[in-house]
N, C-alpha and C. Protein backbone atom coordinates (compact mmCIF):
# COMPACT_ATOMS: atom_id res chain seq x y z
N MET A 1 -37.74 -76.43 46.19
CA MET A 1 -37.89 -75.01 45.95
C MET A 1 -38.40 -74.74 44.54
N ASN A 2 -38.56 -75.78 43.77
CA ASN A 2 -39.06 -75.59 42.41
C ASN A 2 -40.57 -75.78 42.38
N LEU A 3 -41.27 -74.99 43.20
CA LEU A 3 -42.72 -75.03 43.23
C LEU A 3 -43.27 -73.73 42.68
N PRO A 4 -44.45 -73.79 42.10
CA PRO A 4 -45.07 -72.54 41.64
C PRO A 4 -45.25 -71.58 42.81
N GLY A 5 -44.86 -70.32 42.61
CA GLY A 5 -45.01 -69.30 43.64
C GLY A 5 -43.79 -69.12 44.53
N VAL A 6 -42.77 -69.96 44.37
CA VAL A 6 -41.55 -69.84 45.17
C VAL A 6 -40.47 -69.19 44.30
N THR A 7 -39.94 -68.07 44.78
CA THR A 7 -38.83 -67.43 44.07
C THR A 7 -37.72 -67.11 45.06
N LYS A 8 -36.49 -67.15 44.56
CA LYS A 8 -35.32 -66.87 45.40
C LYS A 8 -34.72 -65.54 45.00
N GLY A 9 -34.31 -64.79 46.02
CA GLY A 9 -33.58 -63.56 45.77
C GLY A 9 -32.11 -63.86 45.60
N PRO A 10 -31.32 -62.85 45.26
CA PRO A 10 -29.88 -63.07 45.10
C PRO A 10 -29.21 -63.36 46.44
N PRO A 11 -28.06 -64.04 46.43
CA PRO A 11 -27.33 -64.27 47.69
C PRO A 11 -26.99 -62.95 48.37
N THR A 12 -27.08 -62.93 49.68
CA THR A 12 -26.75 -61.75 50.46
C THR A 12 -25.24 -61.58 50.52
N ASN A 13 -24.75 -60.37 50.27
CA ASN A 13 -23.32 -60.08 50.36
C ASN A 13 -23.01 -59.76 51.82
N LYS A 14 -22.52 -60.77 52.55
CA LYS A 14 -22.34 -60.65 54.00
C LYS A 14 -20.90 -60.30 54.34
N LEU A 15 -20.72 -59.81 55.57
CA LEU A 15 -19.39 -59.50 56.08
C LEU A 15 -18.59 -60.78 56.31
N GLY A 16 -19.22 -61.80 56.87
CA GLY A 16 -18.55 -63.05 57.17
C GLY A 16 -19.36 -64.24 56.68
N GLN A 17 -18.85 -65.43 56.84
CA GLN A 17 -19.50 -66.68 56.43
C GLN A 17 -19.96 -66.64 54.98
N ARG A 18 -19.12 -66.12 54.11
CA ARG A 18 -19.50 -65.98 52.70
C ARG A 18 -19.74 -67.31 51.99
N PRO A 19 -19.00 -68.38 52.33
CA PRO A 19 -19.29 -69.65 51.65
C PRO A 19 -20.68 -70.20 51.96
N LEU A 20 -21.30 -69.73 53.05
CA LEU A 20 -22.64 -70.17 53.43
C LEU A 20 -23.64 -69.23 52.77
N ASN A 21 -24.08 -69.59 51.56
CA ASN A 21 -25.00 -68.72 50.83
C ASN A 21 -26.31 -68.56 51.57
N GLN A 22 -26.72 -67.33 51.71
CA GLN A 22 -28.01 -67.02 52.31
C GLN A 22 -28.66 -65.94 51.46
N GLY A 23 -29.96 -65.97 51.40
CA GLY A 23 -30.70 -64.96 50.65
C GLY A 23 -32.17 -65.08 50.98
N GLU A 24 -32.94 -64.18 50.42
CA GLU A 24 -34.38 -64.18 50.68
C GLU A 24 -35.08 -65.23 49.83
N ILE A 25 -36.14 -65.78 50.38
CA ILE A 25 -37.03 -66.69 49.66
C ILE A 25 -38.42 -66.08 49.76
N PHE A 26 -39.09 -66.00 48.63
CA PHE A 26 -40.41 -65.39 48.58
C PHE A 26 -41.45 -66.45 48.27
N PHE A 27 -42.55 -66.44 49.02
CA PHE A 27 -43.64 -67.38 48.84
C PHE A 27 -44.89 -66.60 48.46
N ASP A 28 -45.48 -66.93 47.32
CA ASP A 28 -46.69 -66.24 46.86
C ASP A 28 -47.76 -67.29 46.58
N ASN A 29 -48.68 -67.47 47.54
CA ASN A 29 -49.77 -68.45 47.41
C ASN A 29 -49.24 -69.85 47.10
N VAL A 30 -48.26 -70.28 47.85
CA VAL A 30 -47.65 -71.59 47.63
C VAL A 30 -48.45 -72.66 48.35
N ARG A 31 -48.65 -73.79 47.68
CA ARG A 31 -49.29 -74.94 48.29
C ARG A 31 -48.21 -76.01 48.44
N ILE A 32 -48.06 -76.50 49.66
CA ILE A 32 -47.04 -77.51 49.94
C ILE A 32 -47.67 -78.90 49.84
N PRO A 33 -47.15 -79.76 48.97
CA PRO A 33 -47.67 -81.13 48.90
C PRO A 33 -47.46 -81.87 50.23
N ALA A 34 -48.38 -82.72 50.58
CA ALA A 34 -48.33 -83.43 51.87
C ALA A 34 -47.04 -84.23 52.03
N HIS A 35 -46.51 -84.79 50.96
CA HIS A 35 -45.30 -85.61 51.08
C HIS A 35 -44.05 -84.78 51.36
N TYR A 36 -44.14 -83.43 51.31
CA TYR A 36 -43.02 -82.55 51.66
C TYR A 36 -42.98 -82.25 53.15
N MET A 37 -44.06 -82.53 53.85
CA MET A 37 -44.14 -82.16 55.27
C MET A 37 -43.30 -83.11 56.13
N LEU A 38 -42.54 -82.52 57.06
CA LEU A 38 -41.71 -83.32 57.97
C LEU A 38 -42.53 -83.85 59.13
N SER A 39 -43.55 -83.10 59.56
CA SER A 39 -44.45 -83.53 60.63
C SER A 39 -45.74 -82.75 60.47
N GLN A 40 -46.74 -83.17 61.20
CA GLN A 40 -48.01 -82.47 61.16
C GLN A 40 -47.88 -81.12 61.87
N PRO A 41 -48.63 -80.12 61.45
CA PRO A 41 -48.55 -78.82 62.13
C PRO A 41 -48.80 -78.97 63.62
N SER A 42 -47.96 -78.36 64.44
CA SER A 42 -48.05 -78.33 65.90
C SER A 42 -47.82 -79.69 66.55
N ALA A 43 -47.52 -80.72 65.78
CA ALA A 43 -47.37 -82.05 66.36
C ALA A 43 -46.06 -82.22 67.09
N ASP A 44 -45.01 -81.58 66.62
CA ASP A 44 -43.70 -81.83 67.21
C ASP A 44 -42.87 -80.56 67.25
N GLU A 45 -43.39 -79.53 67.89
CA GLU A 45 -42.65 -78.28 67.98
C GLU A 45 -41.33 -78.46 68.70
N ASP A 46 -41.31 -79.27 69.75
CA ASP A 46 -40.07 -79.46 70.51
C ASP A 46 -38.99 -80.14 69.67
N GLY A 47 -39.37 -81.05 68.80
CA GLY A 47 -38.39 -81.70 67.94
C GLY A 47 -37.69 -80.71 67.03
N GLY A 48 -38.45 -79.79 66.49
CA GLY A 48 -37.86 -78.74 65.66
C GLY A 48 -36.94 -77.85 66.47
N ASN A 49 -37.37 -77.53 67.67
CA ASN A 49 -36.55 -76.68 68.53
C ASN A 49 -35.25 -77.37 68.92
N GLU A 50 -35.30 -78.67 69.17
CA GLU A 50 -34.08 -79.39 69.52
C GLU A 50 -33.15 -79.50 68.31
N GLY A 51 -33.73 -79.55 67.11
CA GLY A 51 -32.90 -79.52 65.90
C GLY A 51 -32.15 -78.21 65.80
N LEU A 52 -32.84 -77.12 66.09
CA LEU A 52 -32.18 -75.81 66.11
C LEU A 52 -31.16 -75.74 67.23
N ALA A 53 -31.44 -76.42 68.33
CA ALA A 53 -30.48 -76.43 69.45
C ALA A 53 -29.17 -77.06 69.00
N GLY A 54 -29.25 -78.12 68.21
CA GLY A 54 -28.03 -78.74 67.69
C GLY A 54 -27.25 -77.80 66.78
N ALA A 55 -27.97 -77.08 65.93
CA ALA A 55 -27.31 -76.11 65.05
C ALA A 55 -26.66 -75.00 65.86
N ASN A 56 -27.38 -74.51 66.87
CA ASN A 56 -26.83 -73.43 67.71
C ASN A 56 -25.60 -73.90 68.48
N ALA A 57 -25.66 -75.12 69.00
CA ALA A 57 -24.51 -75.66 69.74
C ALA A 57 -23.30 -75.78 68.81
N GLY A 58 -23.54 -76.22 67.58
CA GLY A 58 -22.45 -76.31 66.61
C GLY A 58 -21.85 -74.96 66.27
N MET A 59 -22.72 -73.96 66.10
CA MET A 59 -22.23 -72.60 65.81
C MET A 59 -21.44 -72.05 66.99
N SER A 60 -21.86 -72.38 68.21
CA SER A 60 -21.12 -71.90 69.39
C SER A 60 -19.71 -72.48 69.39
N SER A 61 -19.57 -73.72 68.97
CA SER A 61 -18.23 -74.33 68.89
C SER A 61 -17.38 -73.63 67.85
N MET A 62 -17.98 -73.36 66.70
CA MET A 62 -17.23 -72.71 65.63
C MET A 62 -16.76 -71.32 66.06
N PHE A 63 -17.65 -70.54 66.64
CA PHE A 63 -17.27 -69.17 67.01
C PHE A 63 -16.37 -69.13 68.24
N SER A 64 -16.47 -70.13 69.11
CA SER A 64 -15.49 -70.22 70.20
C SER A 64 -14.10 -70.45 69.61
N GLY A 65 -14.03 -71.25 68.56
CA GLY A 65 -12.76 -71.48 67.87
C GLY A 65 -12.23 -70.24 67.19
N VAL A 66 -13.11 -69.44 66.60
CA VAL A 66 -12.69 -68.18 65.99
C VAL A 66 -12.10 -67.26 67.06
N ALA A 67 -12.79 -67.17 68.19
CA ALA A 67 -12.31 -66.32 69.29
C ALA A 67 -10.95 -66.81 69.79
N ARG A 68 -10.81 -68.11 69.95
CA ARG A 68 -9.54 -68.66 70.44
C ARG A 68 -8.41 -68.39 69.45
N ALA A 69 -8.68 -68.55 68.16
CA ALA A 69 -7.66 -68.29 67.14
C ALA A 69 -7.24 -66.83 67.16
N ALA A 70 -8.20 -65.93 67.30
CA ALA A 70 -7.88 -64.49 67.34
C ALA A 70 -7.03 -64.18 68.57
N PHE A 71 -7.38 -64.77 69.71
CA PHE A 71 -6.59 -64.55 70.92
C PHE A 71 -5.17 -65.07 70.75
N GLU A 72 -5.03 -66.29 70.24
CA GLU A 72 -3.70 -66.89 70.10
C GLU A 72 -2.84 -66.10 69.11
N GLU A 73 -3.44 -65.59 68.04
CA GLU A 73 -2.69 -64.75 67.10
C GLU A 73 -2.23 -63.46 67.78
N ALA A 74 -3.12 -62.85 68.55
CA ALA A 74 -2.78 -61.60 69.24
C ALA A 74 -1.68 -61.83 70.27
N LEU A 75 -1.77 -62.93 71.00
CA LEU A 75 -0.75 -63.23 72.01
C LEU A 75 0.62 -63.42 71.35
N ALA A 76 0.66 -64.21 70.30
CA ALA A 76 1.94 -64.45 69.61
C ALA A 76 2.50 -63.15 69.03
N TYR A 77 1.63 -62.33 68.44
CA TYR A 77 2.09 -61.08 67.83
C TYR A 77 2.63 -60.12 68.89
N THR A 78 1.91 -59.98 69.99
CA THR A 78 2.36 -59.02 71.02
C THR A 78 3.64 -59.49 71.70
N GLN A 79 3.89 -60.79 71.72
CA GLN A 79 5.14 -61.30 72.29
C GLN A 79 6.33 -61.11 71.34
N SER A 80 6.04 -61.03 70.04
CA SER A 80 7.13 -60.88 69.07
C SER A 80 7.33 -59.44 68.59
N ARG A 81 6.34 -58.60 68.76
CA ARG A 81 6.43 -57.21 68.29
C ARG A 81 7.20 -56.39 69.32
N ILE A 82 8.35 -55.86 68.90
CA ILE A 82 9.22 -55.08 69.79
C ILE A 82 8.96 -53.60 69.57
N GLN A 83 8.72 -52.89 70.65
CA GLN A 83 8.54 -51.44 70.61
C GLN A 83 9.27 -50.87 71.82
N GLY A 84 10.13 -49.92 71.58
CA GLY A 84 10.90 -49.33 72.69
C GLY A 84 11.85 -50.32 73.32
N GLY A 85 12.29 -51.31 72.55
CA GLY A 85 13.26 -52.28 73.05
C GLY A 85 12.66 -53.45 73.81
N VAL A 86 11.32 -53.49 73.97
CA VAL A 86 10.68 -54.59 74.70
C VAL A 86 9.46 -55.07 73.90
N PRO A 87 9.07 -56.35 74.10
CA PRO A 87 7.84 -56.82 73.45
C PRO A 87 6.65 -56.00 73.96
N ILE A 88 5.70 -55.71 73.07
CA ILE A 88 4.55 -54.91 73.52
C ILE A 88 3.71 -55.67 74.54
N SER A 89 3.87 -56.99 74.61
CA SER A 89 3.15 -57.78 75.61
C SER A 89 3.61 -57.47 77.03
N SER A 90 4.73 -56.79 77.18
CA SER A 90 5.20 -56.45 78.53
C SER A 90 4.54 -55.18 79.06
N HIS A 91 3.80 -54.47 78.22
CA HIS A 91 3.10 -53.26 78.67
C HIS A 91 1.80 -53.63 79.38
N GLN A 92 1.54 -52.96 80.49
CA GLN A 92 0.40 -53.31 81.33
C GLN A 92 -0.94 -53.21 80.59
N VAL A 93 -1.11 -52.19 79.78
CA VAL A 93 -2.39 -52.03 79.06
C VAL A 93 -2.61 -53.19 78.08
N VAL A 94 -1.54 -53.67 77.45
CA VAL A 94 -1.64 -54.81 76.53
C VAL A 94 -1.93 -56.08 77.32
N GLN A 95 -1.27 -56.25 78.47
CA GLN A 95 -1.52 -57.42 79.32
C GLN A 95 -2.98 -57.48 79.76
N LYS A 96 -3.54 -56.33 80.13
CA LYS A 96 -4.94 -56.28 80.56
C LYS A 96 -5.86 -56.69 79.41
N LYS A 97 -5.59 -56.15 78.22
CA LYS A 97 -6.43 -56.50 77.06
C LYS A 97 -6.32 -57.99 76.75
N LEU A 98 -5.11 -58.53 76.79
CA LEU A 98 -4.92 -59.96 76.53
C LEU A 98 -5.63 -60.80 77.58
N PHE A 99 -5.57 -60.39 78.84
CA PHE A 99 -6.25 -61.17 79.88
C PHE A 99 -7.76 -61.12 79.68
N ASP A 100 -8.31 -59.95 79.36
CA ASP A 100 -9.75 -59.85 79.12
C ASP A 100 -10.16 -60.74 77.95
N MET A 101 -9.35 -60.76 76.90
CA MET A 101 -9.63 -61.63 75.76
C MET A 101 -9.60 -63.10 76.18
N PHE A 102 -8.57 -63.48 76.92
CA PHE A 102 -8.43 -64.86 77.40
C PHE A 102 -9.64 -65.27 78.23
N MET A 103 -10.06 -64.40 79.14
CA MET A 103 -11.19 -64.69 80.02
C MET A 103 -12.47 -64.93 79.21
N ARG A 104 -12.73 -64.08 78.23
CA ARG A 104 -13.94 -64.23 77.41
C ARG A 104 -13.88 -65.51 76.57
N VAL A 105 -12.71 -65.81 76.02
CA VAL A 105 -12.56 -67.03 75.22
C VAL A 105 -12.85 -68.26 76.09
N GLN A 106 -12.30 -68.30 77.29
CA GLN A 106 -12.52 -69.46 78.16
C GLN A 106 -13.98 -69.59 78.56
N ALA A 107 -14.65 -68.48 78.81
CA ALA A 107 -16.08 -68.52 79.15
C ALA A 107 -16.90 -69.02 77.96
N ALA A 108 -16.59 -68.56 76.76
CA ALA A 108 -17.31 -69.02 75.56
C ALA A 108 -17.10 -70.51 75.35
N ARG A 109 -15.87 -70.97 75.52
CA ARG A 109 -15.57 -72.39 75.35
C ARG A 109 -16.32 -73.24 76.37
N ALA A 110 -16.37 -72.78 77.61
CA ALA A 110 -17.05 -73.54 78.66
C ALA A 110 -18.55 -73.63 78.39
N LEU A 111 -19.15 -72.53 78.00
CA LEU A 111 -20.59 -72.54 77.72
C LEU A 111 -20.90 -73.39 76.49
N SER A 112 -20.06 -73.31 75.48
CA SER A 112 -20.23 -74.13 74.29
C SER A 112 -20.09 -75.61 74.63
N ARG A 113 -19.08 -75.93 75.43
CA ARG A 113 -18.86 -77.33 75.84
C ARG A 113 -20.08 -77.86 76.59
N LYS A 114 -20.65 -77.05 77.49
CA LYS A 114 -21.82 -77.46 78.26
C LYS A 114 -23.01 -77.74 77.34
N ALA A 115 -23.25 -76.84 76.38
CA ALA A 115 -24.36 -77.03 75.45
C ALA A 115 -24.17 -78.31 74.64
N ASN A 116 -22.96 -78.54 74.16
CA ASN A 116 -22.70 -79.73 73.35
C ASN A 116 -22.76 -81.01 74.18
N GLN A 117 -22.32 -80.97 75.43
CA GLN A 117 -22.42 -82.15 76.30
C GLN A 117 -23.88 -82.50 76.55
N ARG A 118 -24.71 -81.49 76.79
CA ARG A 118 -26.13 -81.75 77.01
C ARG A 118 -26.77 -82.33 75.75
N LEU A 119 -26.40 -81.79 74.61
CA LEU A 119 -26.94 -82.27 73.34
C LEU A 119 -26.58 -83.74 73.14
N LEU A 120 -25.31 -84.08 73.34
CA LEU A 120 -24.86 -85.46 73.13
C LEU A 120 -25.43 -86.42 74.17
N SER A 121 -25.80 -85.90 75.34
CA SER A 121 -26.38 -86.74 76.39
C SER A 121 -27.89 -86.89 76.26
N GLY A 122 -28.48 -86.21 75.28
CA GLY A 122 -29.92 -86.30 75.08
C GLY A 122 -30.73 -85.45 76.05
N LEU A 123 -30.07 -84.55 76.75
CA LEU A 123 -30.77 -83.67 77.69
C LEU A 123 -31.33 -82.46 76.96
N PRO A 124 -32.38 -81.82 77.51
CA PRO A 124 -32.89 -80.59 76.89
C PRO A 124 -31.76 -79.57 76.75
N THR A 125 -31.65 -79.00 75.58
CA THR A 125 -30.47 -78.19 75.26
C THR A 125 -30.80 -76.78 74.80
N GLN A 126 -32.05 -76.51 74.49
CA GLN A 126 -32.40 -75.28 73.79
C GLN A 126 -31.85 -74.02 74.45
N GLN A 127 -32.09 -73.83 75.74
CA GLN A 127 -31.62 -72.61 76.41
C GLN A 127 -30.10 -72.53 76.43
N TYR A 128 -29.44 -73.63 76.72
CA TYR A 128 -27.97 -73.64 76.75
C TYR A 128 -27.40 -73.33 75.38
N SER A 129 -27.99 -73.93 74.34
CA SER A 129 -27.42 -73.73 73.00
C SER A 129 -27.63 -72.31 72.51
N ILE A 130 -28.77 -71.71 72.82
CA ILE A 130 -29.00 -70.32 72.42
C ILE A 130 -28.01 -69.41 73.14
N ALA A 131 -27.89 -69.61 74.45
CA ALA A 131 -26.95 -68.79 75.23
C ALA A 131 -25.52 -68.97 74.72
N ALA A 132 -25.15 -70.21 74.43
CA ALA A 132 -23.79 -70.48 73.96
C ALA A 132 -23.53 -69.83 72.60
N LYS A 133 -24.50 -69.92 71.70
CA LYS A 133 -24.31 -69.33 70.37
C LYS A 133 -24.20 -67.81 70.47
N VAL A 134 -25.12 -67.19 71.20
CA VAL A 134 -25.09 -65.73 71.32
C VAL A 134 -23.79 -65.27 71.98
N PHE A 135 -23.42 -65.92 73.07
CA PHE A 135 -22.20 -65.52 73.78
C PHE A 135 -20.95 -65.74 72.93
N ALA A 136 -20.89 -66.88 72.26
CA ALA A 136 -19.70 -67.20 71.45
C ALA A 136 -19.57 -66.26 70.25
N THR A 137 -20.68 -65.93 69.60
CA THR A 137 -20.59 -65.02 68.44
C THR A 137 -20.17 -63.63 68.88
N ARG A 138 -20.73 -63.16 69.98
CA ARG A 138 -20.31 -61.84 70.50
C ARG A 138 -18.84 -61.87 70.91
N THR A 139 -18.45 -62.95 71.57
CA THR A 139 -17.06 -63.08 72.01
C THR A 139 -16.11 -63.11 70.81
N ALA A 140 -16.47 -63.87 69.79
CA ALA A 140 -15.62 -63.95 68.60
C ALA A 140 -15.42 -62.57 67.98
N PHE A 141 -16.49 -61.82 67.85
CA PHE A 141 -16.36 -60.48 67.27
C PHE A 141 -15.50 -59.58 68.16
N ASP A 142 -15.80 -59.57 69.46
CA ASP A 142 -15.06 -58.69 70.38
C ASP A 142 -13.58 -59.05 70.44
N VAL A 143 -13.27 -60.33 70.53
CA VAL A 143 -11.87 -60.76 70.64
C VAL A 143 -11.13 -60.51 69.32
N ALA A 144 -11.77 -60.78 68.20
CA ALA A 144 -11.13 -60.50 66.91
C ALA A 144 -10.91 -58.99 66.73
N SER A 145 -11.85 -58.19 67.20
CA SER A 145 -11.70 -56.74 67.13
C SER A 145 -10.54 -56.28 68.01
N ASP A 146 -10.46 -56.81 69.22
CA ASP A 146 -9.34 -56.48 70.11
C ASP A 146 -8.01 -56.94 69.52
N ALA A 147 -8.00 -58.12 68.91
CA ALA A 147 -6.77 -58.63 68.29
C ALA A 147 -6.34 -57.70 67.16
N SER A 148 -7.30 -57.26 66.38
CA SER A 148 -7.00 -56.34 65.28
C SER A 148 -6.39 -55.04 65.81
N GLU A 149 -6.91 -54.55 66.93
CA GLU A 149 -6.35 -53.34 67.55
C GLU A 149 -4.90 -53.57 67.99
N LEU A 150 -4.64 -54.73 68.58
CA LEU A 150 -3.29 -55.03 69.05
C LEU A 150 -2.31 -55.16 67.88
N PHE A 151 -2.80 -55.56 66.73
CA PHE A 151 -1.95 -55.66 65.54
C PHE A 151 -1.70 -54.28 64.92
N GLY A 152 -2.44 -53.28 65.34
CA GLY A 152 -2.28 -51.96 64.74
C GLY A 152 -2.73 -51.98 63.30
N ALA A 153 -2.02 -51.25 62.44
CA ALA A 153 -2.39 -51.17 61.03
C ALA A 153 -2.37 -52.54 60.36
N MET A 154 -1.51 -53.44 60.83
CA MET A 154 -1.44 -54.78 60.24
C MET A 154 -2.72 -55.58 60.47
N GLY A 155 -3.51 -55.20 61.45
CA GLY A 155 -4.76 -55.90 61.74
C GLY A 155 -5.83 -55.70 60.69
N MET A 156 -5.61 -54.78 59.76
CA MET A 156 -6.58 -54.51 58.70
C MET A 156 -6.08 -54.94 57.32
N VAL A 157 -4.94 -55.62 57.28
CA VAL A 157 -4.33 -56.01 56.01
C VAL A 157 -4.86 -57.38 55.58
N LYS A 158 -5.38 -57.46 54.35
CA LYS A 158 -5.83 -58.75 53.83
C LYS A 158 -4.65 -59.71 53.80
N GLY A 159 -4.92 -60.94 54.19
CA GLY A 159 -3.86 -61.94 54.25
C GLY A 159 -3.36 -62.15 55.67
N VAL A 160 -3.64 -61.20 56.56
CA VAL A 160 -3.30 -61.37 57.98
C VAL A 160 -4.50 -62.07 58.63
N LEU A 161 -4.26 -63.14 59.37
CA LEU A 161 -5.34 -63.97 59.89
C LEU A 161 -6.35 -63.19 60.71
N VAL A 162 -5.90 -62.27 61.57
CA VAL A 162 -6.88 -61.56 62.41
C VAL A 162 -7.85 -60.74 61.57
N GLU A 163 -7.41 -60.25 60.43
CA GLU A 163 -8.33 -59.51 59.54
C GLU A 163 -9.42 -60.44 59.05
N ALA A 164 -9.04 -61.64 58.64
CA ALA A 164 -10.03 -62.62 58.16
C ALA A 164 -10.95 -63.06 59.28
N LEU A 165 -10.42 -63.24 60.49
CA LEU A 165 -11.25 -63.65 61.62
C LEU A 165 -12.24 -62.56 61.99
N LEU A 166 -11.84 -61.33 61.87
CA LEU A 166 -12.75 -60.21 62.17
C LEU A 166 -13.83 -60.11 61.10
N ARG A 167 -13.45 -60.35 59.87
CA ARG A 167 -14.40 -60.26 58.76
C ARG A 167 -15.39 -61.39 58.85
């Protein structure tokens, strides 16, 4: 990145994944030396795509884990939180929300597992890994949001795991 014409912008202040610094990179009439090239232009597009497939499959695993952690925290909290003399997990509306969360977590885990199995077996993975990453990230956000709702005001308190998972 220390080439003439390459400048970096400041790190992006993101909602989540803060340890993973990301920011803009600007290229102004940059010439790339031949020894920096990984492959010839258009020579191996599929290889690059399969590399991204591995990254996507890995992200799907991570976000499936976030979703599972949020679900497990919500389940434990609703079983221990007493309202009206009974755990809130005994209320039908809470049971429905917990089941919906469970169902989405299991679907994300299954799709992530399939993408990773294909990757490890050397099979084409691109479509599976993209689907797994998109589904798992959406699931993680939705399940963490639902968990935060089940925690009530405590779901927004720093230091409570579901708040960090949602962030």
